[in-house]
Amino acid sequence: MAGLVLYGEPGWGSAIAEAQLVWYGLEFAFVRTGDLFAEPGARAKLQDVNPLGQIPTLVLEDDSIMTESAAITLYLADLTGRDDLVPPPSHPARGAFLRWLVFIVANIYPTYTYADDPSRFVSVEAARAPFKSAVHDYAKRLYAQLDEAAGSPWFLGNRLSALDFYLVVLTHWEPGRDWFMARTPNLAAIARRTEALPDIAPVWNRNFPAD
């Protein structure tokens, strides 16, 4: 059996899975894919293990493939038998956790898929900039909804969860930390608290060194 292998790139969505692997104390190898938009051959290399060419991609110990960050989140909780990042079925916060986990990956995450490279979805060049702007505006409305639902000090209130890891990464992306601090202060505060957790602070420093 091979060990766990995480395909990713610093600053990308793989940081969410990387932080969880470190939090759980799981040994894994990290394979940099390169910038999937800017580096020729990066996406093709990744497609050997994930036909969609997306990260994170996690190769399991039996060489099977796990994709989709939400699936990886649930899988790692099952693998370790721990519930510190994923509330167990009997926990009162389980429903909220599942709701907002799927909200993030099904609604917010795709806005980056579409806006990062509009040429993949919009054939008319003149329409790409308006399309990108509209997608970003839609994402801001989604973040406002997420901010209204956020508890304190963590998204689920007194209970840390993997949702807080997501917020660290998302608040480093478009529209940027200054916007999140001004317009979604609850999300920004949760992200800062999560970044300060000693066990995973090195993960965030590796992924977002400029900040």
Protein backbone atom coordinates (compact mmCIF):
# COMPACT_ATOMS: atom_id res chain seq x y z
CA MET A 1 0.00 0.00 0.00
CA ALA A 2 1.13 3.50 -0.77
CA GLY A 3 0.60 6.34 1.67
CA LEU A 4 -1.80 9.24 1.25
CA VAL A 5 -0.87 11.61 -1.56
CA LEU A 6 -2.40 15.06 -1.90
CA TYR A 7 -2.21 16.81 -5.26
CA GLY A 8 -2.46 20.56 -4.89
CA GLU A 9 -0.89 23.98 -5.23
CA PRO A 10 -0.11 26.52 -2.50
CA GLY A 11 -2.91 29.05 -2.11
CA TRP A 12 -5.45 26.88 -3.95
CA GLY A 13 -8.32 24.80 -2.59
CA SER A 14 -5.98 21.98 -1.68
CA ALA A 15 -5.08 24.02 1.42
CA ILE A 16 -8.44 22.99 2.92
CA ALA A 17 -7.55 19.30 2.66
CA GLU A 18 -3.93 19.91 3.65
CA ALA A 19 -4.96 21.64 6.87
CA GLN A 20 -7.24 18.74 7.80
CA LEU A 21 -4.55 16.16 7.13
CA VAL A 22 -2.14 18.07 9.37
CA TRP A 23 -4.81 18.60 12.04
CA TYR A 24 -5.46 14.86 12.20
CA GLY A 25 -1.75 14.06 12.26
CA LEU A 26 -1.95 11.94 9.12
CA GLU A 27 1.20 11.33 7.14
CA PHE A 28 0.93 12.31 3.48
CA ALA A 29 2.98 13.35 0.50
CA PHE A 30 2.21 16.63 -1.22
CA VAL A 31 2.56 16.81 -4.99
CA ARG A 32 2.53 20.28 -6.49
CA THR A 33 0.53 20.46 -9.69
CA GLY A 34 1.59 23.93 -10.75
CA ASP A 35 -0.81 26.68 -11.75
CA LEU A 36 -3.58 24.91 -13.66
CA PHE A 37 -4.38 28.06 -15.65
CA ALA A 38 -0.91 29.44 -16.34
CA GLU A 39 1.51 26.50 -16.53
CA PRO A 40 1.40 24.39 -19.70
CA GLY A 41 0.98 20.72 -18.91
CA ALA A 42 -0.11 21.20 -15.28
CA ARG A 43 -3.72 20.25 -15.90
CA ALA A 44 -2.75 17.37 -18.17
CA LYS A 45 -0.48 15.97 -15.46
CA LEU A 46 -3.26 16.14 -12.91
CA GLN A 47 -5.76 14.54 -15.28
CA ASP A 48 -3.77 11.31 -15.01
CA VAL A 49 -5.23 10.93 -11.51
CA ASN A 50 -8.34 13.13 -11.79
CA PRO A 51 -9.99 13.44 -15.23
CA LEU A 52 -11.56 16.78 -14.25
CA GLY A 53 -8.11 18.20 -13.61
CA GLN A 54 -9.17 19.78 -10.30
CA ILE A 55 -7.60 20.10 -6.88
CA PRO A 56 -7.64 18.88 -4.23
CA THR A 57 -7.17 15.33 -5.40
CA LEU A 58 -6.30 12.77 -2.73
CA VAL A 59 -4.82 9.38 -3.56
CA LEU A 60 -5.72 6.93 -0.82
CA GLU A 61 -3.58 4.18 0.65
CA ASP A 62 -5.12 1.57 -1.66
CA ASP A 63 -4.34 3.82 -4.67
CA SER A 64 -8.01 4.73 -5.17
CA ILE A 65 -8.86 8.36 -5.82
CA MET A 66 -10.85 10.76 -3.65
CA THR A 67 -11.89 14.11 -5.12
CA GLU A 68 -14.20 16.95 -4.04
CA SER A 69 -13.20 18.78 -0.88
CA ALA A 70 -16.47 18.02 0.93
CA ALA A 71 -16.08 14.31 0.24
CA ILE A 72 -12.47 14.46 1.45
CA THR A 73 -13.64 16.28 4.60
CA LEU A 74 -16.17 13.58 5.45
CA TYR A 75 -13.80 10.76 4.46
CA LEU A 76 -10.97 11.96 6.70
CA ALA A 77 -13.31 12.19 9.68
CA ASP A 78 -14.39 8.60 9.04
CA LEU A 79 -10.82 7.45 8.44
CA THR A 80 -9.58 8.82 11.74
CA GLY A 81 -12.73 8.03 13.73
CA ARG A 82 -12.68 11.58 15.07
CA ASP A 83 -15.43 14.15 15.29
CA ASP A 84 -13.50 17.33 16.13
CA LEU A 85 -13.91 18.76 12.60
CA VAL A 86 -17.16 17.03 11.56
CA PRO A 87 -19.99 16.87 14.09
CA PRO A 88 -21.23 13.29 14.52
CA PRO A 89 -24.78 12.33 13.46
CA SER A 90 -26.10 12.72 17.00
CA HIS A 91 -24.67 16.23 17.49
CA PRO A 92 -27.12 19.18 17.39
CA ALA A 93 -24.81 21.03 14.97
CA ARG A 94 -24.68 18.17 12.45
CA GLY A 95 -27.50 19.53 10.29
CA ALA A 96 -26.05 23.04 10.14
CA PHE A 97 -22.61 21.66 9.35
CA LEU A 98 -23.89 19.61 6.41
CA ARG A 99 -26.07 22.44 5.14
CA TRP A 100 -23.31 25.03 5.03
CA LEU A 101 -20.64 22.61 3.83
CA VAL A 102 -22.77 21.81 0.79
CA PHE A 103 -23.73 25.50 0.43
CA ILE A 104 -20.05 26.40 0.13
CA VAL A 105 -19.08 23.67 -2.32
CA ALA A 106 -22.27 23.77 -4.42
CA ASN A 107 -22.83 27.52 -4.56
CA ILE A 108 -19.76 29.55 -3.63
CA TYR A 109 -16.97 27.31 -4.89
CA PRO A 110 -18.32 27.16 -8.49
CA THR A 111 -18.17 30.95 -8.78
CA TYR A 112 -14.39 30.63 -8.81
CA THR A 113 -14.52 27.81 -11.34
CA TYR A 114 -16.47 30.08 -13.69
CA ALA A 115 -14.77 33.42 -13.02
CA ASP A 116 -11.13 32.33 -12.81
CA ASP A 117 -11.07 31.51 -16.53
CA PRO A 118 -14.28 32.65 -18.27
CA SER A 119 -12.92 31.56 -21.65
CA ARG A 120 -13.70 27.96 -20.69
CA PHE A 121 -17.39 28.79 -20.53
CA VAL A 122 -17.97 31.91 -22.65
CA SER A 123 -16.99 31.66 -26.31
CA VAL A 124 -17.53 35.35 -27.17
CA GLU A 125 -14.49 37.28 -25.95
CA ALA A 126 -16.37 40.56 -25.47
CA ALA A 127 -18.81 38.82 -23.12
CA ARG A 128 -16.19 37.39 -20.80
CA ALA A 129 -15.51 40.49 -18.68
CA PRO A 130 -19.22 41.17 -18.00
CA PHE A 131 -19.72 37.48 -17.23
CA LYS A 132 -16.82 37.52 -14.75
CA SER A 133 -18.12 40.66 -13.08
CA ALA A 134 -21.62 39.20 -12.75
CA VAL A 135 -20.27 36.00 -11.22
CA HIS A 136 -18.22 37.95 -8.67
CA ASP A 137 -21.28 40.03 -7.74
CA TYR A 138 -23.27 36.83 -7.24
CA ALA A 139 -20.51 35.44 -5.01
CA LYS A 140 -20.65 38.55 -2.85
CA ARG A 141 -24.36 38.00 -2.28
CA LEU A 142 -23.67 34.42 -1.27
CA TYR A 143 -20.98 35.54 1.16
CA ALA A 144 -23.41 38.01 2.72
CA GLN A 145 -25.83 35.14 3.35
CA LEU A 146 -23.04 33.04 4.84
CA ASP A 147 -21.98 35.91 7.08
CA GLU A 148 -25.51 36.22 8.46
CA ALA A 149 -25.50 32.53 9.37
CA ALA A 150 -22.08 32.58 11.04
CA GLY A 151 -21.77 32.04 14.76
CA SER A 152 -18.95 33.04 17.10
CA PRO A 153 -16.17 32.33 17.84
CA TRP A 154 -16.49 29.64 15.16
CA PHE A 155 -18.98 29.30 12.33
CA LEU A 156 -20.98 26.75 14.32
CA GLY A 157 -20.73 28.81 17.49
CA ASN A 158 -18.66 27.24 20.26
CA ARG A 159 -17.69 24.27 18.09
CA LEU A 160 -14.70 24.36 15.75
CA SER A 161 -15.31 22.55 12.46
CA ALA A 162 -13.92 22.08 8.97
CA LEU A 163 -16.13 24.99 7.88
CA ASP A 164 -13.68 27.30 9.62
CA PHE A 165 -10.86 25.86 7.52
CA TYR A 166 -12.83 26.65 4.39
CA LEU A 167 -13.25 30.25 5.50
CA VAL A 168 -9.52 30.77 5.85
CA VAL A 169 -8.97 29.84 2.23
CA LEU A 170 -12.04 31.56 0.80
CA THR A 171 -11.28 34.87 2.50
CA HIS A 172 -7.86 34.92 0.85
CA TRP A 173 -9.49 34.74 -2.57
CA GLU A 174 -11.52 37.23 -4.58
CA PRO A 175 -12.79 39.80 -3.56
CA GLY A 176 -9.90 39.91 -1.05
CA ARG A 177 -9.32 40.20 2.67
CA ASP A 178 -10.11 43.92 2.84
CA TRP A 179 -13.56 43.32 1.32
CA PHE A 180 -14.31 40.45 3.69
CA MET A 181 -13.25 42.49 6.72
CA ALA A 182 -15.47 45.39 5.67
CA ARG A 183 -18.50 43.54 4.31
CA THR A 184 -18.53 40.15 6.04
CA PRO A 185 -16.86 40.81 9.40
CA ASN A 186 -18.08 37.56 10.97
CA LEU A 187 -16.40 35.45 8.30
CA ALA A 188 -13.21 37.50 8.49
CA ALA A 189 -13.03 37.15 12.28
CA ILE A 190 -13.52 33.38 12.12
CA ALA A 191 -10.81 33.10 9.48
CA ARG A 192 -8.34 35.05 11.62
CA ARG A 193 -9.05 32.88 14.66
CA THR A 194 -8.59 29.73 12.62
CA GLU A 195 -5.31 30.95 11.18
CA ALA A 196 -4.03 31.47 14.71
CA LEU A 197 -4.54 27.84 15.79
CA PRO A 198 -0.99 26.66 16.52
CA ASP A 199 -1.35 23.16 15.07
CA ILE A 200 -2.22 24.38 11.59
CA ALA A 201 -0.74 27.89 11.47
CA PRO A 202 2.22 26.54 9.42
CA VAL A 203 -0.22 25.29 6.77
CA TRP A 204 -1.67 28.75 6.25
CA ASN A 205 1.80 30.32 6.26
CA ARG A 206 2.91 27.95 3.51
CA ASN A 207 -0.17 28.59 1.42
CA PHE A 208 -0.50 32.33 1.94
CA PRO A 209 2.99 33.61 2.78
CA ALA A 210 2.33 37.16 1.57
CA ASP A 211 -0.31 37.61 4.28
